[in-house]
C-alpha atoms as a PDB file:
ATOM      1  CA  UNK A   1       0.000   0.000   0.000  1.00  0.00           C
ATOM      2  CA  UNK A   2       1.509   3.389  -0.985  1.00  0.00           C
ATOM      3  CA  UNK A   3       1.855   6.152   1.597  1.00  0.00           C
ATOM      4  CA  UNK A   4       2.492   9.869   1.845  1.00  0.00           C
ATOM      5  CA  UNK A   5       4.332  11.472   4.705  1.00  0.00           C
ATOM      6  CA  UNK A   6       4.021  15.049   5.865  1.00  0.00           C
ATOM      7  CA  UNK A   7       7.289  16.256   7.406  1.00  0.00           C
ATOM      8  CA  UNK A   8       7.364  19.337   9.636  1.00  0.00           C
ATOM      9  CA  UNK A   9      10.525  20.995  10.943  1.00  0.00           C
ATOM     10  CA  UNK A  10       9.807  22.480  14.342  1.00  0.00           C
ATOM     11  CA  UNK A  11      11.196  23.005  17.843  1.00  0.00           C
ATOM     12  CA  UNK A  12      10.831  21.442  21.269  1.00  0.00           C
ATOM     13  CA  UNK A  13       7.988  23.749  22.315  1.00  0.00           C
ATOM     14  CA  UNK A  14       5.802  23.115  19.247  1.00  0.00           C
ATOM     15  CA  UNK A  15       6.534  19.429  18.591  1.00  0.00           C
ATOM     16  CA  UNK A  16       3.748  17.962  20.729  1.00  0.00           C
ATOM     17  CA  UNK A  17       1.153  20.389  19.329  1.00  0.00           C
ATOM     18  CA  UNK A  18       2.126  19.509  15.771  1.00  0.00           C
ATOM     19  CA  UNK A  19       2.043  15.796  16.603  1.00  0.00           C
ATOM     20  CA  UNK A  20      -1.533  16.191  17.866  1.00  0.00           C
ATOM     21  CA  UNK A  21      -2.481  18.283  14.830  1.00  0.00           C
ATOM     22  CA  UNK A  22      -1.278  15.601  12.420  1.00  0.00           C
ATOM     23  CA  UNK A  23      -3.183  12.910  14.312  1.00  0.00           C
ATOM     24  CA  UNK A  24      -6.281  15.144  14.230  1.00  0.00           C
ATOM     25  CA  UNK A  25      -5.814  15.491  10.446  1.00  0.00           C
ATOM     26  CA  UNK A  26      -5.870  11.702  10.023  1.00  0.00           C
ATOM     27  CA  UNK A  27      -2.268  10.512  10.321  1.00  0.00           C
ATOM     28  CA  UNK A  28      -2.080   6.784  10.958  1.00  0.00           C
ATOM     29  CA  UNK A  29       1.145   7.318  12.883  1.00  0.00           C
ATOM     30  CA  UNK A  30       3.447  10.150  13.895  1.00  0.00           C
ATOM     31  CA  UNK A  31       7.168   9.960  14.624  1.00  0.00           C
ATOM     32  CA  UNK A  32       9.460  12.531  16.246  1.00  0.00           C
ATOM     33  CA  UNK A  33      13.155  12.639  15.366  1.00  0.00           C
ATOM     34  CA  UNK A  34      16.235  14.642  16.220  1.00  0.00           C
ATOM     35  CA  UNK A  35      16.724  17.250  13.491  1.00  0.00           C
ATOM     36  CA  UNK A  36      20.181  18.507  14.493  1.00  0.00           C
ATOM     37  CA  UNK A  37      22.203  15.534  15.803  1.00  0.00           C
ATOM     38  CA  UNK A  38      21.592  16.472  19.449  1.00  0.00           C
ATOM     39  CA  UNK A  39      22.051  13.516  21.850  1.00  0.00           C
ATOM     40  CA  UNK A  40      19.806  13.111  24.899  1.00  0.00           C
ATOM     41  CA  UNK A  41      21.725  10.846  27.246  1.00  0.00           C
ATOM     42  CA  UNK A  42      19.934  10.906  30.598  1.00  0.00           C
ATOM     43  CA  UNK A  43      16.353  12.181  30.824  1.00  0.00           C
ATOM     44  CA  UNK A  44      14.903  12.991  34.215  1.00  0.00           C
ATOM     45  CA  UNK A  45      12.557  10.570  35.954  1.00  0.00           C
ATOM     46  CA  UNK A  46       9.156  10.691  34.262  1.00  0.00           C
ATOM     47  CA  UNK A  47      10.429  13.086  31.590  1.00  0.00           C
ATOM     48  CA  UNK A  48       9.773  12.582  27.873  1.00  0.00           C
ATOM     49  CA  UNK A  49      12.701  14.485  26.350  1.00  0.00           C
ATOM     50  CA  UNK A  50      12.610  16.189  22.960  1.00  0.00           C
ATOM     51  CA  UNK A  51      15.292  17.815  20.892  1.00  0.00           C
ATOM     52  CA  UNK A  52      15.651  21.584  20.432  1.00  0.00           C
ATOM     53  CA  UNK A  53      15.176  21.016  16.690  1.00  0.00           C
ATOM     54  CA  UNK A  54      12.633  18.270  16.061  1.00  0.00           C
ATOM     55  CA  UNK A  55      11.351  16.694  12.853  1.00  0.00           C
ATOM     56  CA  UNK A  56       7.710  15.582  13.160  1.00  0.00           C
ATOM     57  CA  UNK A  57       6.530  13.162  10.468  1.00  0.00           C
ATOM     58  CA  UNK A  58       2.929  12.097   9.910  1.00  0.00           C
ATOM     59  CA  UNK A  59       2.105   9.024   7.818  1.00  0.00           C
ATOM     60  CA  UNK A  60      -0.994   9.232   5.579  1.00  0.00           C
ATOM     61  CA  UNK A  61      -2.754   7.057   3.018  1.00  0.00           C
ATOM     62  CA  UNK A  62      -1.602   8.083  -0.475  1.00  0.00           C
ATOM     63  CA  UNK A  63      -5.230   8.797  -1.468  1.00  0.00           C
ATOM     64  CA  UNK A  64      -5.641  11.715   0.949  1.00  0.00           C
ATOM     65  CA  UNK A  65      -6.224  15.228  -0.350  1.00  0.00           C
ATOM     66  CA  UNK A  66      -3.053  16.960   0.824  1.00  0.00           C
ATOM     67  CA  UNK A  67      -4.619  20.440   0.786  1.00  0.00           C
ATOM     68  CA  UNK A  68      -7.569  19.389   2.942  1.00  0.00           C
ATOM     69  CA  UNK A  69      -5.255  17.490   5.286  1.00  0.00           C
ATOM     70  CA  UNK A  70      -2.999  20.501   5.808  1.00  0.00           C
ATOM     71  CA  UNK A  71      -6.022  22.731   6.344  1.00  0.00           C
ATOM     72  CA  UNK A  72      -7.401  20.368   8.965  1.00  0.00           C
ATOM     73  CA  UNK A  73      -4.071  20.319  10.807  1.00  0.00           C
ATOM     74  CA  UNK A  74      -3.900  24.114  10.585  1.00  0.00           C
ATOM     75  CA  UNK A  75      -7.397  24.418  12.048  1.00  0.00           C
ATOM     76  CA  UNK A  76      -6.232  22.407  15.064  1.00  0.00           C
ATOM     77  CA  UNK A  77      -3.188  24.667  15.491  1.00  0.00           C
ATOM     78  CA  UNK A  78      -5.068  27.861  14.618  1.00  0.00           C
ATOM     79  CA  UNK A  79      -2.188  28.655  12.258  1.00  0.00           C
ATOM     80  CA  UNK A  80      -0.499  27.227   9.153  1.00  0.00           C
ATOM     81  CA  UNK A  81       1.874  24.307   9.533  1.00  0.00           C
ATOM     82  CA  UNK A  82       5.429  25.714   9.641  1.00  0.00           C
ATOM     83  CA  UNK A  83       8.093  24.364   7.289  1.00  0.00           C
ATOM     84  CA  UNK A  84       5.904  21.504   6.062  1.00  0.00           C
ATOM     85  CA  UNK A  85       6.551  19.335   3.010  1.00  0.00           C
ATOM     86  CA  UNK A  86       4.914  16.249   1.518  1.00  0.00           C
ATOM     87  CA  UNK A  87       6.918  13.236   0.354  1.00  0.00           C
ATOM     88  CA  UNK A  88       5.912   9.969  -1.251  1.00  0.00           C
ATOM     89  CA  UNK A  89       7.004   6.972   0.738  1.00  0.00           C
ATOM     90  CA  UNK A  90       8.300   3.936  -1.094  1.00  0.00           C
ATOM     91  CA  UNK A  91       5.843   1.065  -1.028  1.00  0.00           C
ATOM     92  CA  UNK A  92       7.373  -1.699   1.101  1.00  0.00           C
ATOM     93  CA  UNK A  93       6.402  -4.515   3.387  1.00  0.00           C
ATOM     94  CA  UNK A  94       7.015  -2.312   6.412  1.00  0.00           C
ATOM     95  CA  UNK A  95       6.618  -5.123   8.959  1.00  0.00           C
ATOM     96  CA  UNK A  96       9.426  -7.074   7.300  1.00  0.00           C
ATOM     97  CA  UNK A  97      11.441  -3.887   6.825  1.00  0.00           C
ATOM     98  CA  UNK A  98      11.226  -3.187  10.562  1.00  0.00           C
ATOM     99  CA  UNK A  99      12.131  -6.760  11.434  1.00  0.00           C
ATOM    100  CA  UNK A 100      15.147  -6.716   9.132  1.00  0.00           C
ATOM    101  CA  UNK A 101      16.761  -4.004  11.295  1.00  0.00           C
ATOM    102  CA  UNK A 102      17.074  -6.371  14.257  1.00  0.00           C
ATOM    103  CA  UNK A 103      19.732  -9.083  14.144  1.00  0.00           C
ATOM    104  CA  UNK A 104      21.086 -11.499  16.772  1.00  0.00           C
ATOM    105  CA  UNK A 105      23.536  -9.806  19.144  1.00  0.00           C
ATOM    106  CA  UNK A 106      26.498 -11.634  20.658  1.00  0.00           C
ATOM    107  CA  UNK A 107      27.161 -10.378  24.186  1.00  0.00           C
ATOM    108  CA  UNK A 108      29.806 -12.979  25.087  1.00  0.00           C
ATOM    109  CA  UNK A 109      31.175 -16.269  23.770  1.00  0.00           C
ATOM    110  CA  UNK A 110      28.286 -18.131  25.414  1.00  0.00           C
ATOM    111  CA  UNK A 111      25.492 -15.555  25.294  1.00  0.00           C
ATOM    112  CA  UNK A 112      23.362 -14.226  22.442  1.00  0.00           C
ATOM    113  CA  UNK A 113      20.149 -12.192  22.143  1.00  0.00           C
ATOM    114  CA  UNK A 114      17.979 -13.400  19.270  1.00  0.00           C
ATOM    115  CA  UNK A 115      14.736 -11.923  17.880  1.00  0.00           C
ATOM    116  CA  UNK A 116      12.049 -14.594  17.670  1.00  0.00           C
ATOM    117  CA  UNK A 117      12.086 -14.551  13.847  1.00  0.00           C
ATOM    118  CA  UNK A 118      15.829 -15.368  13.615  1.00  0.00           C
ATOM    119  CA  UNK A 119      17.592 -18.698  13.882  1.00  0.00           C
ATOM    120  CA  UNK A 120      20.227 -18.593  16.666  1.00  0.00           C
ATOM    121  CA  UNK A 121      23.685 -18.317  15.088  1.00  0.00           C
ATOM    122  CA  UNK A 122      25.112 -20.468  17.925  1.00  0.00           C
ATOM    123  CA  UNK A 123      22.459 -23.040  18.918  1.00  0.00           C
ATOM    124  CA  UNK A 124      24.628 -24.474  21.718  1.00  0.00           C
ATOM    125  CA  UNK A 125      25.087 -21.083  23.419  1.00  0.00           C
ATOM    126  CA  UNK A 126      22.625 -19.435  25.810  1.00  0.00           C
ATOM    127  CA  UNK A 127      20.163 -17.695  23.480  1.00  0.00           C
ATOM    128  CA  UNK A 128      17.753 -15.158  24.952  1.00  0.00           C
ATOM    129  CA  UNK A 129      14.680 -14.815  22.750  1.00  0.00           C
ATOM    130  CA  UNK A 130      13.753 -11.143  22.887  1.00  0.00           C
ATOM    131  CA  UNK A 131      11.830  -8.916  20.490  1.00  0.00           C
ATOM    132  CA  UNK A 132      11.867  -5.102  20.566  1.00  0.00           C
ATOM    133  CA  UNK A 133       9.009  -3.747  22.645  1.00  0.00           C
ATOM    134  CA  UNK A 134       7.834  -0.895  24.853  1.00  0.00           C
ATOM    135  CA  UNK A 135      10.090  -1.717  27.798  1.00  0.00           C
ATOM    136  CA  UNK A 136      13.770  -0.760  27.872  1.00  0.00           C
ATOM    137  CA  UNK A 137      16.368  -3.471  27.420  1.00  0.00           C
ATOM    138  CA  UNK A 138      16.888  -5.305  24.136  1.00  0.00           C
ATOM    139  CA  UNK A 139      20.674  -5.554  24.243  1.00  0.00           C
ATOM    140  CA  UNK A 140      21.235  -2.929  21.575  1.00  0.00           C
ATOM    141  CA  UNK A 141      22.011  -0.204  24.119  1.00  0.00           C
ATOM    142  CA  UNK A 142      25.571  -0.168  25.509  1.00  0.00           C
ATOM    143  CA  UNK A 143      24.349  -0.176  29.126  1.00  0.00           C
ATOM    144  CA  UNK A 144      22.391  -3.397  28.662  1.00  0.00           C
ATOM    145  CA  UNK A 145      25.188  -4.974  26.630  1.00  0.00           C
ATOM    146  CA  UNK A 146      27.719  -4.188  29.367  1.00  0.00           C
ATOM    147  CA  UNK A 147      25.546  -5.862  32.007  1.00  0.00           C
ATOM    148  CA  UNK A 148      25.022  -8.984  29.907  1.00  0.00           C
ATOM    149  CA  UNK A 149      28.730  -9.180  29.116  1.00  0.00           C
ATOM    150  CA  UNK A 150      29.511  -9.037  32.835  1.00  0.00           C
ATOM    151  CA  UNK A 151      26.816 -11.541  33.746  1.00  0.00           C
ATOM    152  CA  UNK A 152      28.099 -14.063  31.196  1.00  0.00           C
ATOM    153  CA  UNK A 153      31.466 -14.057  32.965  1.00  0.00           C
ATOM    154  CA  UNK A 154      30.073 -14.535  36.467  1.00  0.00           C
ATOM    155  CA  UNK A 155      29.648 -17.803  38.380  1.00  0.00           C
ATOM    156  CA  UNK A 156      25.855 -17.651  38.618  1.00  0.00           C
ATOM    157  CA  UNK A 157      25.032 -21.359  38.929  1.00  0.00           C
ATOM    158  CA  UNK A 158      22.513 -22.003  41.688  1.00  0.00           C
ATOM    159  CA  UNK A 159      22.469 -18.379  42.842  1.00  0.00           C
ATOM    160  CA  UNK A 160      19.668 -15.829  43.147  1.00  0.00           C
ATOM    161  CA  UNK A 161      19.476 -12.479  41.384  1.00  0.00           C
ATOM    162  CA  UNK A 162      17.531  -9.231  41.565  1.00  0.00           C
ATOM    163  CA  UNK A 163      16.880  -7.296  38.353  1.00  0.00           C
ATOM    164  CA  UNK A 164      16.268  -3.808  39.746  1.00  0.00           C
ATOM    165  CA  UNK A 165      14.485  -1.641  37.172  1.00  0.00           C
ATOM    166  CA  UNK A 166      13.865  -4.771  35.124  1.00  0.00           C
ATOM    167  CA  UNK A 167      12.385  -3.139  31.991  1.00  0.00           C
ATOM    168  CA  UNK A 168      12.094  -5.992  29.510  1.00  0.00           C
ATOM    169  CA  UNK A 169      13.380  -8.464  32.109  1.00  0.00           C
ATOM    170  CA  UNK A 170      16.432  -9.234  29.998  1.00  0.00           C
ATOM    171  CA  UNK A 171      18.958  -9.277  32.848  1.00  0.00           C
ATOM    172  CA  UNK A 172      16.915 -11.467  35.174  1.00  0.00           C
ATOM    173  CA  UNK A 173      16.090 -13.843  32.323  1.00  0.00           C
ATOM    174  CA  UNK A 174      19.750 -13.989  31.284  1.00  0.00           C
ATOM    175  CA  UNK A 175      20.811 -14.785  34.852  1.00  0.00           C
ATOM    176  CA  UNK A 176      18.433 -17.762  35.006  1.00  0.00           C
ATOM    177  CA  UNK A 177      19.335 -19.059  31.553  1.00  0.00           C
ATOM    178  CA  UNK A 178      23.020 -18.860  32.540  1.00  0.00           C
ATOM    179  CA  UNK A 179      22.327 -21.066  35.554  1.00  0.00           C
ATOM    180  CA  UNK A 180      20.891 -18.961  38.384  1.00  0.00           C
ATOM    181  CA  UNK A 181      18.256 -20.690  40.499  1.00  0.00           C
ATOM    182  CA  UNK A 182      15.861 -17.732  40.322  1.00  0.00           C
ATOM    183  CA  UNK A 183      15.612 -13.981  39.831  1.00  0.00           C
ATOM    184  CA  UNK A 184      13.271 -11.274  41.084  1.00  0.00           C
ATOM    185  CA  UNK A 185      12.360  -8.247  38.981  1.00  0.00           C
ATOM    186  CA  UNK A 186      11.085  -4.872  40.106  1.00  0.00           C
ATOM    187  CA  UNK A 187      10.155  -1.757  38.140  1.00  0.00           C
ATOM    188  CA  UNK A 188       8.103   1.405  38.632  1.00  0.00           C
ATOM    189  CA  UNK A 189       6.459   0.945  35.211  1.00  0.00           C
ATOM    190  CA  UNK A 190       3.562  -1.576  35.084  1.00  0.00           C
ATOM    191  CA  UNK A 191       4.216  -2.009  31.343  1.00  0.00           C
ATOM    192  CA  UNK A 192       7.719  -3.230  32.182  1.00  0.00           C
ATOM    193  CA  UNK A 193       6.305  -5.908  34.486  1.00  0.00           C
ATOM    194  CA  UNK A 194       4.027  -7.138  31.693  1.00  0.00           C
ATOM    195  CA  UNK A 195       6.960  -7.205  29.274  1.00  0.00           C
ATOM    196  CA  UNK A 196       9.147  -9.060  31.773  1.00  0.00           C
ATOM    197  CA  UNK A 197       6.492 -11.710  32.394  1.00  0.00           C
ATOM    198  CA  UNK A 198       5.865 -12.164  28.671  1.00  0.00           C
ATOM    199  CA  UNK A 199       9.569 -12.430  27.892  1.00  0.00           C
ATOM    200  CA  UNK A 200      10.105 -14.961  30.684  1.00  0.00           C
ATOM    201  CA  UNK A 201       7.378 -17.167  29.213  1.00  0.00           C
ATOM    202  CA  UNK A 202       8.857 -16.734  25.730  1.00  0.00           C
ATOM    203  CA  UNK A 203      12.126 -18.084  27.110  1.00  0.00           C
ATOM    204  CA  UNK A 204      10.510 -21.099  28.739  1.00  0.00           C
ATOM    205  CA  UNK A 205      10.740 -19.894  32.352  1.00  0.00           C
ATOM    206  CA  UNK A 206       8.125 -20.746  34.959  1.00  0.00           C
ATOM    207  CA  UNK A 207       6.605 -17.623  36.609  1.00  0.00           C
ATOM    208  CA  UNK A 208       7.842 -18.658  40.045  1.00  0.00           C
ATOM    209  CA  UNK A 209      11.454 -18.518  38.848  1.00  0.00           C
ATOM    210  CA  UNK A 210      11.129 -14.860  37.835  1.00  0.00           C
ATOM    211  CA  UNK A 211       8.425 -13.059  39.856  1.00  0.00           C
ATOM    212  CA  UNK A 212       8.139  -9.321  39.155  1.00  0.00           C
ATOM    213  CA  UNK A 213       6.791  -6.564  41.381  1.00  0.00           C
ATOM    214  CA  UNK A 214       6.148  -2.863  41.622  1.00  0.00           C
ATOM    215  CA  UNK A 215       8.578  -1.401  44.199  1.00  0.00           C
ATOM    216  CA  UNK A 216       5.938  -1.084  46.910  1.00  0.00           C
ATOM    217  CA  UNK A 217       4.909  -4.720  46.397  1.00  0.00           C
ATOM    218  CA  UNK A 218       8.425  -6.179  46.478  1.00  0.00           C
ATOM    219  CA  UNK A 219       8.854  -8.507  49.488  1.00  0.00           C
ATOM    220  CA  UNK A 220      10.549  -6.567  52.261  1.00  0.00           C
ATOM    221  CA  UNK A 221      13.038  -9.358  52.962  1.00  0.00           C
ATOM    222  CA  UNK A 222      14.038  -9.941  49.334  1.00  0.00           C
ATOM    223  CA  UNK A 223      17.811 -10.214  48.919  1.00  0.00           C
ATOM    224  CA  UNK A 224      20.046 -11.910  46.387  1.00  0.00           C
ATOM    225  CA  UNK A 225      23.532 -13.130  45.584  1.00  0.00           C
ATOM    226  CA  UNK A 226      23.617 -10.956  42.459  1.00  0.00           C
ATOM    227  CA  UNK A 227      22.204  -7.431  42.197  1.00  0.00           C
ATOM    228  CA  UNK A 228      21.656  -6.078  38.676  1.00  0.00           C
ATOM    229  CA  UNK A 229      20.656  -2.416  38.335  1.00  0.00           C
ATOM    230  CA  UNK A 230      20.703  -0.855  34.876  1.00  0.00           C
ATOM    231  CA  UNK A 231      18.898   2.421  35.533  1.00  0.00           C
ATOM    232  CA  UNK A 232      20.427   5.925  35.700  1.00  0.00           C
ATOM    233  CA  UNK A 233      23.236   7.495  37.708  1.00  0.00           C
ATOM    234  CA  UNK A 234      20.959   9.748  39.777  1.00  0.00           C
ATOM    235  CA  UNK A 235      18.675   6.957  41.032  1.00  0.00           C
ATOM    236  CA  UNK A 236      21.681   4.658  41.548  1.00  0.00           C
ATOM    237  CA  UNK A 237      23.182   7.207  43.946  1.00  0.00           C
ATOM    238  CA  UNK A 238      19.889   7.843  45.712  1.00  0.00           C
ATOM    239  CA  UNK A 239      19.078   4.137  46.058  1.00  0.00           C
ATOM    240  CA  UNK A 240      22.558   2.982  47.114  1.00  0.00           C
ATOM    241  CA  UNK A 241      21.605   1.943  50.687  1.00  0.00           C
ATOM    242  CA  UNK A 242      18.553   0.026  49.423  1.00  0.00           C
ATOM    243  CA  UNK A 243      20.432  -1.780  46.658  1.00  0.00           C
ATOM    244  CA  UNK A 244      23.266  -2.725  48.990  1.00  0.00           C
ATOM    245  CA  UNK A 245      20.844  -3.944  51.676  1.00  0.00           C
ATOM    246  CA  UNK A 246      19.223  -6.279  49.146  1.00  0.00           C
ATOM    247  CA  UNK A 247      22.640  -7.649  48.108  1.00  0.00           C
ATOM    248  CA  UNK A 248      23.922 -10.415  50.398  1.00  0.00           C
ATOM    249  CA  UNK A 249      27.295  -9.889  52.074  1.00  0.00           C
ATOM    250  CA  UNK A 250      29.790 -11.518  49.740  1.00  0.00           C
ATOM    251  CA  UNK A 251      27.333 -11.064  46.878  1.00  0.00           C
ATOM    252  CA  UNK A 252      28.040  -9.367  43.588  1.00  0.00           C
ATOM    253  CA  UNK A 253      26.591  -6.111  42.287  1.00  0.00           C
ATOM    254  CA  UNK A 254      26.457  -4.712  38.750  1.00  0.00           C
ATOM    255  CA  UNK A 255      25.487  -1.073  38.160  1.00  0.00           C
ATOM    256  CA  UNK A 256      24.910   0.457  34.734  1.00  0.00           C
ATOM    257  CA  UNK A 257      23.217   3.394  33.012  1.00  0.00           C
ATOM    258  CA  UNK A 258      26.190   5.539  34.014  1.00  0.00           C
ATOM    259  CA  UNK A 259      28.026   8.028  31.821  1.00  0.00           C
ATOM    260  CA  UNK A 260      31.802   8.052  32.158  1.00  0.00           C
ATOM    261  CA  UNK A 261      31.632  11.519  33.724  1.00  0.00           C
ATOM    262  CA  UNK A 262      29.300  10.183  36.452  1.00  0.00           C
ATOM    263  CA  UNK A 263      31.169   7.043  37.488  1.00  0.00           C
ATOM    264  CA  UNK A 264      33.153   8.604  40.355  1.00  0.00           C
ATOM    265  CA  UNK A 265      30.000   9.985  41.940  1.00  0.00           C
ATOM    266  CA  UNK A 266      28.278   6.607  41.790  1.00  0.00           C
ATOM    267  CA  UNK A 267      31.345   4.805  43.154  1.00  0.00           C
ATOM    268  CA  UNK A 268      31.521   7.202  46.082  1.00  0.00           C
ATOM    269  CA  UNK A 269      27.904   6.424  47.002  1.00  0.00           C
ATOM    270  CA  UNK A 270      28.728   2.678  47.281  1.00  0.00           C
ATOM    271  CA  UNK A 271      32.373   2.730  48.405  1.00  0.00           C
ATOM    272  CA  UNK A 272      31.697   2.037  52.105  1.00  0.00           C
ATOM    273  CA  UNK A 273      30.109  -1.325  51.212  1.00  0.00           C
ATOM    274  CA  UNK A 274      31.471  -2.394  47.809  1.00  0.00           C
ATOM    275  CA  UNK A 275      34.949  -3.493  46.726  1.00  0.00           C
ATOM    276  CA  UNK A 276      34.872  -2.483  43.056  1.00  0.00           C
ATOM    277  CA  UNK A 277      36.301  -4.365  40.076  1.00  0.00           C
ATOM    278  CA  UNK A 278      37.850  -2.643  37.071  1.00  0.00           C
ATOM    279  CA  UNK A 279      35.240  -0.613  35.174  1.00  0.00           C
ATOM    280  CA  UNK A 280      33.628  -1.866  31.995  1.00  0.00           C
ATOM    281  CA  UNK A 281      33.255   0.699  29.207  1.00  0.00           C
ATOM    282  CA  UNK A 282      31.410   0.924  25.902  1.00  0.00           C
ATOM    283  CA  UNK A 283      31.154   4.183  23.973  1.00  0.00           C
ATOM    284  CA  UNK A 284      30.417   6.900  26.575  1.00  0.00           C
ATOM    285  CA  UNK A 285      28.898   4.477  29.099  1.00  0.00           C
ATOM    286  CA  UNK A 286      30.452   2.756  32.123  1.00  0.00           C
ATOM    287  CA  UNK A 287      29.542  -0.402  34.042  1.00  0.00           C
ATOM    288  CA  UNK A 288      30.519  -0.632  37.697  1.00  0.00           C
ATOM    289  CA  UNK A 289      30.718  -4.010  39.422  1.00  0.00           C
ATOM    290  CA  UNK A 290      32.044  -5.350  42.667  1.00  0.00           C
ATOM    291  CA  UNK A 291      31.550  -7.416  45.793  1.00  0.00           C
ATOM    292  CA  UNK A 292      29.674  -6.429  48.938  1.00  0.00           C
ATOM    293  CA  UNK A 293      32.250  -6.694  51.720  1.00  0.00           C
ATOM    294  CA  UNK A 294      30.251  -5.267  54.629  1.00  0.00           C
END
């Protein structure tokens, strides 16, 4: 089916209004993209960040009347669409096109992440079946990759793990598939808990081996041999006493979601309890790991 897309160059302040205007005018989907190569590395809690220069693109059926569509969007905005242009979109099987962008990812010699539509390149390795979804954590981001790389090198057999800020559940699932007895996941986002449960089932895990909870529902006495927390530097600092308390003495801890410029601050927050290993690094991100000694 052929499509037209209406592309609008705008700014942070107007992007959401234009998005709503295009949906009002009949767009079947709207995407927002960086229009000036401006990275957003650590959004605040609950914040949906946008770029100073944003490209808003609405997707429309090729049969639409472009003049009427623009007029309808303008009526919503009470002004003409700024810097708008129509483009014809190549007719493709967009579901297959989207799927083709995701390939198996090797995190270690014995650990791969494989989309469900791909054959595992190494059938004898540990293969996590994981499709892109709403929850964070597919292995493509350096912070997740660093955690999985670390986990694959740990002696996890028969141990317990906590996946703090579980997102897609990828770290807890990986721990179990690598030999851990069980894992517990917790996240503030109910959608993440749904994703974690679904992904556990997809990987053949019984629910009791990977229970997931909202923070306020997490058992008060829950602790583990391995603590996995791939969140953000600010929350990692703030939650240091809680994360350490839930890590058994002698247990291992892995912290990620940390920019290189933030690693010293995070280390300081944990230094009274944790004997740190050498840092892991990928691009501008750092993984901190160590052993709870007190």
